[in-house]
């Protein structure tokens, strides 16, 4: 085990633990390795979401000027007619 790892205690129902041991053996991986990968996948989306949110906000702040002065010059009905009836 790496020096930067910490031990934790995990309590699982016996039937699940048996299935987990079999699963790990079939994957030719340790139970620790499988749990590490699973936990990394669980927390990674939060990191990806935050990065995507920051990119979106930055994109909105740096959006190009379309010459509208920030005012909407069309109605919903006009847009619908242009897109779907035009």
PDB file of N, CA and C in Angstrom:
ATOM      1  N   UNK A   1       0.842  -1.180   0.000  1.00  0.00           N
ATOM      2  CA  UNK A   1       0.000   0.000   0.000  1.00  0.00           C
ATOM      3  C   UNK A   1       0.888   1.244   0.000  1.00  0.00           C
ATOM      4  N   UNK A   2       0.482   2.262  -0.770  1.00  0.00           N
ATOM      5  CA  UNK A   2       1.252   3.494  -0.845  1.00  0.00           C
ATOM      6  C   UNK A   2       1.261   4.207   0.504  1.00  0.00           C
ATOM      7  N   UNK A   3       2.320   4.971   0.722  1.00  0.00           N
ATOM      8  CA  UNK A   3       2.452   5.700   1.984  1.00  0.00           C
ATOM      9  C   UNK A   3       1.397   6.785   2.133  1.00  0.00           C
ATOM     10  N   UNK A   4       0.877   7.305   0.998  1.00  0.00           N
ATOM     11  CA  UNK A   4      -0.093   8.388   1.090  1.00  0.00           C
ATOM     12  C   UNK A   4      -1.525   7.873   1.224  1.00  0.00           C
ATOM     13  N   UNK A   5      -1.703   6.588   1.338  1.00  0.00           N
ATOM     14  CA  UNK A   5      -3.037   6.014   1.529  1.00  0.00           C
ATOM     15  C   UNK A   5      -3.361   5.924   3.018  1.00  0.00           C
ATOM     16  N   UNK A   6      -4.642   6.035   3.328  1.00  0.00           N
ATOM     17  CA  UNK A   6      -5.109   5.870   4.704  1.00  0.00           C
ATOM     18  C   UNK A   6      -6.095   4.711   4.740  1.00  0.00           C
ATOM     19  N   UNK A   7      -6.065   3.953   5.798  1.00  0.00           N
ATOM     20  CA  UNK A   7      -6.994   2.852   5.962  1.00  0.00           C
ATOM     21  C   UNK A   7      -8.349   3.366   6.427  1.00  0.00           C
ATOM     22  N   UNK A   8      -9.406   2.767   5.911  1.00  0.00           N
ATOM     23  CA  UNK A   8     -10.758   3.048   6.361  1.00  0.00           C
ATOM     24  C   UNK A   8     -11.459   1.725   6.615  1.00  0.00           C
ATOM     25  N   UNK A   9     -12.453   1.755   7.450  1.00  0.00           N
ATOM     26  CA  UNK A   9     -13.238   0.558   7.720  1.00  0.00           C
ATOM     27  C   UNK A   9     -14.560   0.677   7.000  1.00  0.00           C
ATOM     28  N   UNK A  10     -14.896  -0.366   6.281  1.00  0.00           N
ATOM     29  CA  UNK A  10     -16.140  -0.401   5.530  1.00  0.00           C
ATOM     30  C   UNK A  10     -16.925  -1.614   5.987  1.00  0.00           C
ATOM     31  N   UNK A  11     -18.151  -1.411   6.363  1.00  0.00           N
ATOM     32  CA  UNK A  11     -18.996  -2.503   6.815  1.00  0.00           C
ATOM     33  C   UNK A  11     -20.024  -2.811   5.733  1.00  0.00           C
ATOM     34  N   UNK A  12     -19.988  -4.037   5.226  1.00  0.00           N
ATOM     35  CA  UNK A  12     -20.909  -4.458   4.172  1.00  0.00           C
ATOM     36  C   UNK A  12     -21.690  -5.683   4.620  1.00  0.00           C
ATOM     37  N   UNK A  13     -22.901  -5.844   4.112  1.00  0.00           N
ATOM     38  CA  UNK A  13     -23.632  -7.081   4.389  1.00  0.00           C
ATOM     39  C   UNK A  13     -22.846  -8.271   3.814  1.00  0.00           C
ATOM     40  N   UNK A  14     -22.846  -9.376   4.502  1.00  0.00           N
ATOM     41  CA  UNK A  14     -22.064 -10.553   4.100  1.00  0.00           C
ATOM     42  C   UNK A  14     -22.333 -10.986   2.651  1.00  0.00           C
ATOM     43  N   UNK A  15     -23.587 -11.066   2.207  1.00  0.00           N
ATOM     44  CA  UNK A  15     -23.812 -11.488   0.807  1.00  0.00           C
ATOM     45  C   UNK A  15     -23.174 -10.529  -0.213  1.00  0.00           C
ATOM     46  N   UNK A  16     -23.240  -9.238   0.074  1.00  0.00           N
ATOM     47  CA  UNK A  16     -22.634  -8.262  -0.819  1.00  0.00           C
ATOM     48  C   UNK A  16     -21.114  -8.387  -0.800  1.00  0.00           C
ATOM     49  N   UNK A  17     -20.546  -8.597   0.358  1.00  0.00           N
ATOM     50  CA  UNK A  17     -19.099  -8.765   0.478  1.00  0.00           C
ATOM     51  C   UNK A  17     -18.623  -9.966  -0.325  1.00  0.00           C
ATOM     52  N   UNK A  18     -19.356 -11.072  -0.259  1.00  0.00           N
ATOM     53  CA  UNK A  18     -18.988 -12.254  -1.051  1.00  0.00           C
ATOM     54  C   UNK A  18     -19.013 -11.937  -2.545  1.00  0.00           C
ATOM     55  N   UNK A  19     -20.078 -11.262  -2.993  1.00  0.00           N
ATOM     56  CA  UNK A  19     -20.182 -10.894  -4.406  1.00  0.00           C
ATOM     57  C   UNK A  19     -19.050  -9.953  -4.809  1.00  0.00           C
ATOM     58  N   UNK A  20     -18.715  -9.049  -3.915  1.00  0.00           N
ATOM     59  CA  UNK A  20     -17.645  -8.095  -4.191  1.00  0.00           C
ATOM     60  C   UNK A  20     -16.308  -8.817  -4.345  1.00  0.00           C
ATOM     61  N   UNK A  21     -16.024  -9.779  -3.466  1.00  0.00           N
ATOM     62  CA  UNK A  21     -14.774 -10.541  -3.567  1.00  0.00           C
ATOM     63  C   UNK A  21     -14.699 -11.295  -4.895  1.00  0.00           C
ATOM     64  N   UNK A  22     -15.804 -11.907  -5.293  1.00  0.00           N
ATOM     65  CA  UNK A  22     -15.848 -12.637  -6.567  1.00  0.00           C
ATOM     66  C   UNK A  22     -15.644 -11.669  -7.731  1.00  0.00           C
ATOM     67  N   UNK A  23     -16.322 -10.529  -7.664  1.00  0.00           N
ATOM     68  CA  UNK A  23     -16.193  -9.517  -8.713  1.00  0.00           C
ATOM     69  C   UNK A  23     -14.740  -9.068  -8.845  1.00  0.00           C
ATOM     70  N   UNK A  24     -14.099  -8.772  -7.724  1.00  0.00           N
ATOM     71  CA  UNK A  24     -12.709  -8.313  -7.738  1.00  0.00           C
ATOM     72  C   UNK A  24     -11.801  -9.389  -8.330  1.00  0.00           C
ATOM     73  N   UNK A  25     -12.031 -10.626  -7.963  1.00  0.00           N
ATOM     74  CA  UNK A  25     -11.209 -11.715  -8.493  1.00  0.00           C
ATOM     75  C   UNK A  25     -11.393 -11.840 -10.010  1.00  0.00           C
ATOM     76  N   UNK A  26     -12.615 -11.728 -10.478  1.00  0.00           N
ATOM     77  CA  UNK A  26     -12.876 -11.814 -11.920  1.00  0.00           C
ATOM     78  C   UNK A  26     -12.222 -10.664 -12.676  1.00  0.00           C
ATOM     79  N   UNK A  27     -12.134  -9.510 -12.033  1.00  0.00           N
ATOM     80  CA  UNK A  27     -11.503  -8.342 -12.647  1.00  0.00           C
ATOM     81  C   UNK A  27      -9.983  -8.375 -12.491  1.00  0.00           C
ATOM     82  N   UNK A  28      -9.492  -9.354 -11.714  1.00  0.00           N
ATOM     83  CA  UNK A  28      -8.066  -9.472 -11.407  1.00  0.00           C
ATOM     84  C   UNK A  28      -7.539  -8.189 -10.758  1.00  0.00           C
ATOM     85  N   UNK A  29      -8.358  -7.632  -9.854  1.00  0.00           N
ATOM     86  CA  UNK A  29      -7.998  -6.414  -9.135  1.00  0.00           C
ATOM     87  C   UNK A  29      -8.275  -6.623  -7.661  1.00  0.00           C
ATOM     88  N   UNK A  30      -7.620  -5.802  -6.852  1.00  0.00           N
ATOM     89  CA  UNK A  30      -7.900  -5.858  -5.420  1.00  0.00           C
ATOM     90  C   UNK A  30      -9.205  -5.113  -5.138  1.00  0.00           C
ATOM     91  N   UNK A  31      -9.819  -5.450  -4.027  1.00  0.00           N
ATOM     92  CA  UNK A  31     -11.033  -4.753  -3.626  1.00  0.00           C
ATOM     93  C   UNK A  31     -10.713  -3.278  -3.373  1.00  0.00           C
ATOM     94  N   UNK A  32      -9.534  -3.003  -2.834  1.00  0.00           N
ATOM     95  CA  UNK A  32      -9.119  -1.617  -2.600  1.00  0.00           C
ATOM     96  C   UNK A  32      -9.044  -0.849  -3.914  1.00  0.00           C
ATOM     97  N   UNK A  33      -8.457  -1.462  -4.926  1.00  0.00           N
ATOM     98  CA  UNK A  33      -8.324  -0.813  -6.222  1.00  0.00           C
ATOM     99  C   UNK A  33      -9.704  -0.522  -6.826  1.00  0.00           C
ATOM    100  N   UNK A  34     -10.601  -1.470  -6.733  1.00  0.00           N
ATOM    101  CA  UNK A  34     -11.950  -1.273  -7.282  1.00  0.00           C
ATOM    102  C   UNK A  34     -12.677  -0.164  -6.529  1.00  0.00           C
ATOM    103  N   UNK A  35     -12.577  -0.150  -5.213  1.00  0.00           N
ATOM    104  CA  UNK A  35     -13.235   0.897  -4.426  1.00  0.00           C
ATOM    105  C   UNK A  35     -12.633   2.267  -4.737  1.00  0.00           C
ATOM    106  N   UNK A  36     -11.316   2.330  -4.898  1.00  0.00           N
ATOM    107  CA  UNK A  36     -10.662   3.594  -5.232  1.00  0.00           C
ATOM    108  C   UNK A  36     -11.182   4.121  -6.562  1.00  0.00           C
ATOM    109  N   UNK A  37     -11.239   3.242  -7.570  1.00  0.00           N
ATOM    110  CA  UNK A  37     -11.738   3.648  -8.887  1.00  0.00           C
ATOM    111  C   UNK A  37     -13.195   4.111  -8.810  1.00  0.00           C
ATOM    112  N   UNK A  38     -14.014   3.388  -8.056  1.00  0.00           N
ATOM    113  CA  UNK A  38     -15.438   3.736  -7.946  1.00  0.00           C
ATOM    114  C   UNK A  38     -15.614   5.090  -7.254  1.00  0.00           C
ATOM    115  N   UNK A  39     -14.881   5.316  -6.193  1.00  0.00           N
ATOM    116  CA  UNK A  39     -14.996   6.589  -5.467  1.00  0.00           C
ATOM    117  C   UNK A  39     -14.486   7.740  -6.325  1.00  0.00           C
ATOM    118  N   UNK A  40     -13.395   7.504  -7.064  1.00  0.00           N
ATOM    119  CA  UNK A  40     -12.896   8.547  -7.967  1.00  0.00           C
ATOM    120  C   UNK A  40     -13.954   8.912  -9.005  1.00  0.00           C
ATOM    121  N   UNK A  41     -14.661   7.910  -9.553  1.00  0.00           N
ATOM    122  CA  UNK A  41     -15.722   8.189 -10.532  1.00  0.00           C
ATOM    123  C   UNK A  41     -16.877   8.953  -9.885  1.00  0.00           C
ATOM    124  N   UNK A  42     -17.163   8.667  -8.630  1.00  0.00           N
ATOM    125  CA  UNK A  42     -18.268   9.353  -7.950  1.00  0.00           C
ATOM    126  C   UNK A  42     -17.962  10.823  -7.710  1.00  0.00           C
ATOM    127  N   UNK A  43     -16.732  11.150  -7.339  1.00  0.00           N
ATOM    128  CA  UNK A  43     -16.415  12.541  -7.025  1.00  0.00           C
ATOM    129  C   UNK A  43     -15.964  13.329  -8.246  1.00  0.00           C
ATOM    130  N   UNK A  44     -15.521  12.674  -9.285  1.00  0.00           N
ATOM    131  CA  UNK A  44     -15.044  13.356 -10.483  1.00  0.00           C
ATOM    132  C   UNK A  44     -16.113  14.210 -11.148  1.00  0.00           C
ATOM    133  N   UNK A  45     -17.365  13.754 -11.274  1.00  0.00           N
ATOM    134  CA  UNK A  45     -18.357  14.613 -11.929  1.00  0.00           C
ATOM    135  C   UNK A  45     -18.501  15.983 -11.277  1.00  0.00           C
ATOM    136  N   UNK A  46     -18.349  16.076  -9.964  1.00  0.00           N
ATOM    137  CA  UNK A  46     -18.415  17.375  -9.296  1.00  0.00           C
ATOM    138  C   UNK A  46     -17.311  18.295  -9.810  1.00  0.00           C
ATOM    139  N   UNK A  47     -16.115  17.743  -9.958  1.00  0.00           N
ATOM    140  CA  UNK A  47     -14.995  18.529 -10.460  1.00  0.00           C
ATOM    141  C   UNK A  47     -15.244  18.962 -11.903  1.00  0.00           C
ATOM    142  N   UNK A  48     -15.739  18.032 -12.727  1.00  0.00           N
ATOM    143  CA  UNK A  48     -16.019  18.341 -14.127  1.00  0.00           C
ATOM    144  C   UNK A  48     -17.147  19.364 -14.247  1.00  0.00           C
ATOM    145  N   UNK A  49     -18.178  19.221 -13.412  1.00  0.00           N
ATOM    146  CA  UNK A  49     -19.294  20.157 -13.437  1.00  0.00           C
ATOM    147  C   UNK A  49     -18.825  21.565 -13.096  1.00  0.00           C
ATOM    148  N   UNK A  50     -18.010  21.661 -12.070  1.00  0.00           N
ATOM    149  CA  UNK A  50     -17.521  22.975 -11.642  1.00  0.00           C
ATOM    150  C   UNK A  50     -16.674  23.616 -12.734  1.00  0.00           C
ATOM    151  N   UNK A  51     -15.819  22.840 -13.376  1.00  0.00           N
ATOM    152  CA  UNK A  51     -14.983  23.374 -14.460  1.00  0.00           C
ATOM    153  C   UNK A  51     -15.858  23.825 -15.631  1.00  0.00           C
ATOM    154  N   UNK A  52     -16.876  23.034 -15.972  1.00  0.00           N
ATOM    155  CA  UNK A  52     -17.778  23.401 -17.071  1.00  0.00           C
ATOM    156  C   UNK A  52     -18.572  24.658 -16.726  1.00  0.00           C
ATOM    157  N   UNK A  53     -19.015  24.764 -15.480  1.00  0.00           N
ATOM    158  CA  UNK A  53     -19.759  25.948 -15.040  1.00  0.00           C
ATOM    159  C   UNK A  53     -18.895  27.204 -15.171  1.00  0.00           C
ATOM    160  N   UNK A  54     -17.645  27.095 -14.765  1.00  0.00           N
ATOM    161  CA  UNK A  54     -16.738  28.241 -14.857  1.00  0.00           C
ATOM    162  C   UNK A  54     -16.495  28.625 -16.318  1.00  0.00           C
ATOM    163  N   UNK A  55     -16.335  27.624 -17.195  1.00  0.00           N
ATOM    164  CA  UNK A  55     -16.135  27.924 -18.623  1.00  0.00           C
ATOM    165  C   UNK A  55     -17.364  28.608 -19.205  1.00  0.00           C
ATOM    166  N   UNK A  56     -18.562  28.155 -18.825  1.00  0.00           N
ATOM    167  CA  UNK A  56     -19.795  28.744 -19.332  1.00  0.00           C
ATOM    168  C   UNK A  56     -19.922  30.202 -18.894  1.00  0.00           C
ATOM    169  N   UNK A  57     -19.697  30.468 -17.629  1.00  0.00           N
ATOM    170  CA  UNK A  57     -19.798  31.832 -17.113  1.00  0.00           C
ATOM    171  C   UNK A  57     -18.770  32.726 -17.776  1.00  0.00           C
ATOM    172  N   UNK A  58     -17.554  32.228 -17.930  1.00  0.00           N
ATOM    173  CA  UNK A  58     -16.507  33.014 -18.592  1.00  0.00           C
ATOM    174  C   UNK A  58     -16.889  33.294 -20.042  1.00  0.00           C
ATOM    175  N   UNK A  59     -17.480  32.314 -20.710  1.00  0.00           N
ATOM    176  CA  UNK A  59     -17.933  32.511 -22.081  1.00  0.00           C
ATOM    177  C   UNK A  59     -19.024  33.562 -22.178  1.00  0.00           C
ATOM    178  N   UNK A  60     -19.928  33.585 -21.207  1.00  0.00           N
ATOM    179  CA  UNK A  60     -20.984  34.594 -21.211  1.00  0.00           C
ATOM    180  C   UNK A  60     -20.405  35.990 -20.961  1.00  0.00           C
ATOM    181  N   UNK A  61     -19.431  36.073 -20.075  1.00  0.00           N
ATOM    182  CA  UNK A  61     -18.814  37.381 -19.787  1.00  0.00           C
ATOM    183  C   UNK A  61     -18.058  37.924 -21.000  1.00  0.00           C
ATOM    184  N   UNK A  62     -17.512  37.018 -21.789  1.00  0.00           N
ATOM    185  CA  UNK A  62     -16.710  37.424 -22.944  1.00  0.00           C
ATOM    186  C   UNK A  62     -17.444  37.223 -24.261  1.00  0.00           C
ATOM    187  N   UNK A  63     -18.767  37.146 -24.210  1.00  0.00           N
ATOM    188  CA  UNK A  63     -19.544  36.920 -25.431  1.00  0.00           C
ATOM    189  C   UNK A  63     -19.396  38.110 -26.369  1.00  0.00           C
ATOM    190  N   UNK A  64     -19.433  37.825 -27.655  1.00  0.00           N
ATOM    191  CA  UNK A  64     -19.286  38.914 -28.626  1.00  0.00           C
ATOM    192  C   UNK A  64     -20.541  39.776 -28.646  1.00  0.00           C
ATOM    193  N   UNK A  65     -20.357  41.020 -28.983  1.00  0.00           N
ATOM    194  CA  UNK A  65     -21.453  41.981 -29.050  1.00  0.00           C
ATOM    195  C   UNK A  65     -22.250  41.733 -30.325  1.00  0.00           C
ATOM    196  N   UNK A  66     -23.526  41.492 -30.196  1.00  0.00           N
ATOM    197  CA  UNK A  66     -24.391  41.255 -31.354  1.00  0.00           C
ATOM    198  C   UNK A  66     -25.108  42.527 -31.797  1.00  0.00           C
ATOM    199  N   UNK A  67     -24.779  43.628 -31.162  1.00  0.00           N
ATOM    200  CA  UNK A  67     -25.347  44.906 -31.559  1.00  0.00           C
ATOM    201  C   UNK A  67     -26.751  45.161 -31.040  1.00  0.00           C
ATOM    202  N   UNK A  68     -27.209  44.377 -30.103  1.00  0.00           N
ATOM    203  CA  UNK A  68     -28.563  44.572 -29.580  1.00  0.00           C
ATOM    204  C   UNK A  68     -28.577  45.464 -28.345  1.00  0.00           C
ATOM    205  N   UNK A  69     -27.428  45.784 -27.819  1.00  0.00           N
ATOM    206  CA  UNK A  69     -27.370  46.578 -26.596  1.00  0.00           C
ATOM    207  C   UNK A  69     -27.971  45.843 -25.407  1.00  0.00           C
ATOM    208  N   UNK A  70     -28.026  44.520 -25.501  1.00  0.00           N
ATOM    209  CA  UNK A  70     -28.575  43.713 -24.415  1.00  0.00           C
ATOM    210  C   UNK A  70     -30.092  43.647 -24.404  1.00  0.00           C
ATOM    211  N   UNK A  71     -30.721  44.161 -25.433  1.00  0.00           N
ATOM    212  CA  UNK A  71     -32.189  44.173 -25.490  1.00  0.00           C
ATOM    213  C   UNK A  71     -32.673  43.104 -26.467  1.00  0.00           C
ATOM    214  N   UNK A  72     -33.709  42.414 -26.106  1.00  0.00           N
ATOM    215  CA  UNK A  72     -34.319  41.416 -26.987  1.00  0.00           C
ATOM    216  C   UNK A  72     -35.245  42.164 -27.937  1.00  0.00           C
ATOM    217  N   UNK A  73     -34.974  41.998 -29.231  1.00  0.00           N
ATOM    218  CA  UNK A  73     -35.717  42.770 -30.230  1.00  0.00           C
ATOM    219  C   UNK A  73     -36.760  41.932 -30.963  1.00  0.00           C
ATOM    220  N   UNK A  74     -36.990  40.705 -30.513  1.00  0.00           N
ATOM    221  CA  UNK A  74     -37.949  39.837 -31.170  1.00  0.00           C
ATOM    222  C   UNK A  74     -38.875  39.238 -30.130  1.00  0.00           C
ATOM    223  N   UNK A  75     -40.022  38.796 -30.592  1.00  0.00           N
ATOM    224  CA  UNK A  75     -40.964  38.129 -29.684  1.00  0.00           C
ATOM    225  C   UNK A  75     -40.822  36.626 -29.868  1.00  0.00           C
ATOM    226  N   UNK A  76     -41.339  35.908 -28.949  1.00  0.00           N
ATOM    227  CA  UNK A  76     -41.319  34.447 -29.022  1.00  0.00           C
ATOM    228  C   UNK A  76     -42.032  33.986 -30.288  1.00  0.00           C
ATOM    229  N   UNK A  77     -43.183  34.573 -30.581  1.00  0.00           N
ATOM    230  CA  UNK A  77     -43.950  34.176 -31.765  1.00  0.00           C
ATOM    231  C   UNK A  77     -43.181  34.464 -33.048  1.00  0.00           C
ATOM    232  N   UNK A  78     -42.495  35.601 -33.111  1.00  0.00           N
ATOM    233  CA  UNK A  78     -41.702  35.923 -34.301  1.00  0.00           C
ATOM    234  C   UNK A  78     -40.576  34.907 -34.490  1.00  0.00           C
ATOM    235  N   UNK A  79     -39.938  34.541 -33.403  1.00  0.00           N
ATOM    236  CA  UNK A  79     -38.859  33.570 -33.489  1.00  0.00           C
ATOM    237  C   UNK A  79     -39.392  32.213 -33.946  1.00  0.00           C
ATOM    238  N   UNK A  80     -40.510  31.802 -33.390  1.00  0.00           N
ATOM    239  CA  UNK A  80     -41.118  30.530 -33.779  1.00  0.00           C
ATOM    240  C   UNK A  80     -41.456  30.532 -35.275  1.00  0.00           C
ATOM    241  N   UNK A  81     -42.095  31.624 -35.728  1.00  0.00           N
ATOM    242  CA  UNK A  81     -42.459  31.715 -37.151  1.00  0.00           C
ATOM    243  C   UNK A  81     -41.234  31.639 -38.039  1.00  0.00           C
ATOM    244  N   UNK A  82     -40.165  32.296 -37.627  1.00  0.00           N
ATOM    245  CA  UNK A  82     -38.938  32.314 -38.435  1.00  0.00           C
ATOM    246  C   UNK A  82     -38.290  30.936 -38.497  1.00  0.00           C
ATOM    247  N   UNK A  83     -38.300  30.253 -37.374  1.00  0.00           N
ATOM    248  CA  UNK A  83     -37.618  28.965 -37.304  1.00  0.00           C
ATOM    249  C   UNK A  83     -38.430  27.822 -37.906  1.00  0.00           C
ATOM    250  N   UNK A  84     -39.744  27.828 -37.689  1.00  0.00           N
ATOM    251  CA  UNK A  84     -40.524  26.635 -38.032  1.00  0.00           C
ATOM    252  C   UNK A  84     -41.515  26.834 -39.183  1.00  0.00           C
ATOM    253  N   UNK A  85     -41.864  28.058 -39.475  1.00  0.00           N
ATOM    254  CA  UNK A  85     -42.829  28.278 -40.553  1.00  0.00           C
ATOM    255  C   UNK A  85     -42.175  28.883 -41.790  1.00  0.00           C
ATOM    256  N   UNK A  86     -41.035  29.543 -41.577  1.00  0.00           N
ATOM    257  CA  UNK A  86     -40.363  30.287 -42.637  1.00  0.00           C
ATOM    258  C   UNK A  86     -39.912  29.420 -43.730  1.00  0.00           C
TER     259      UNK A  86
END
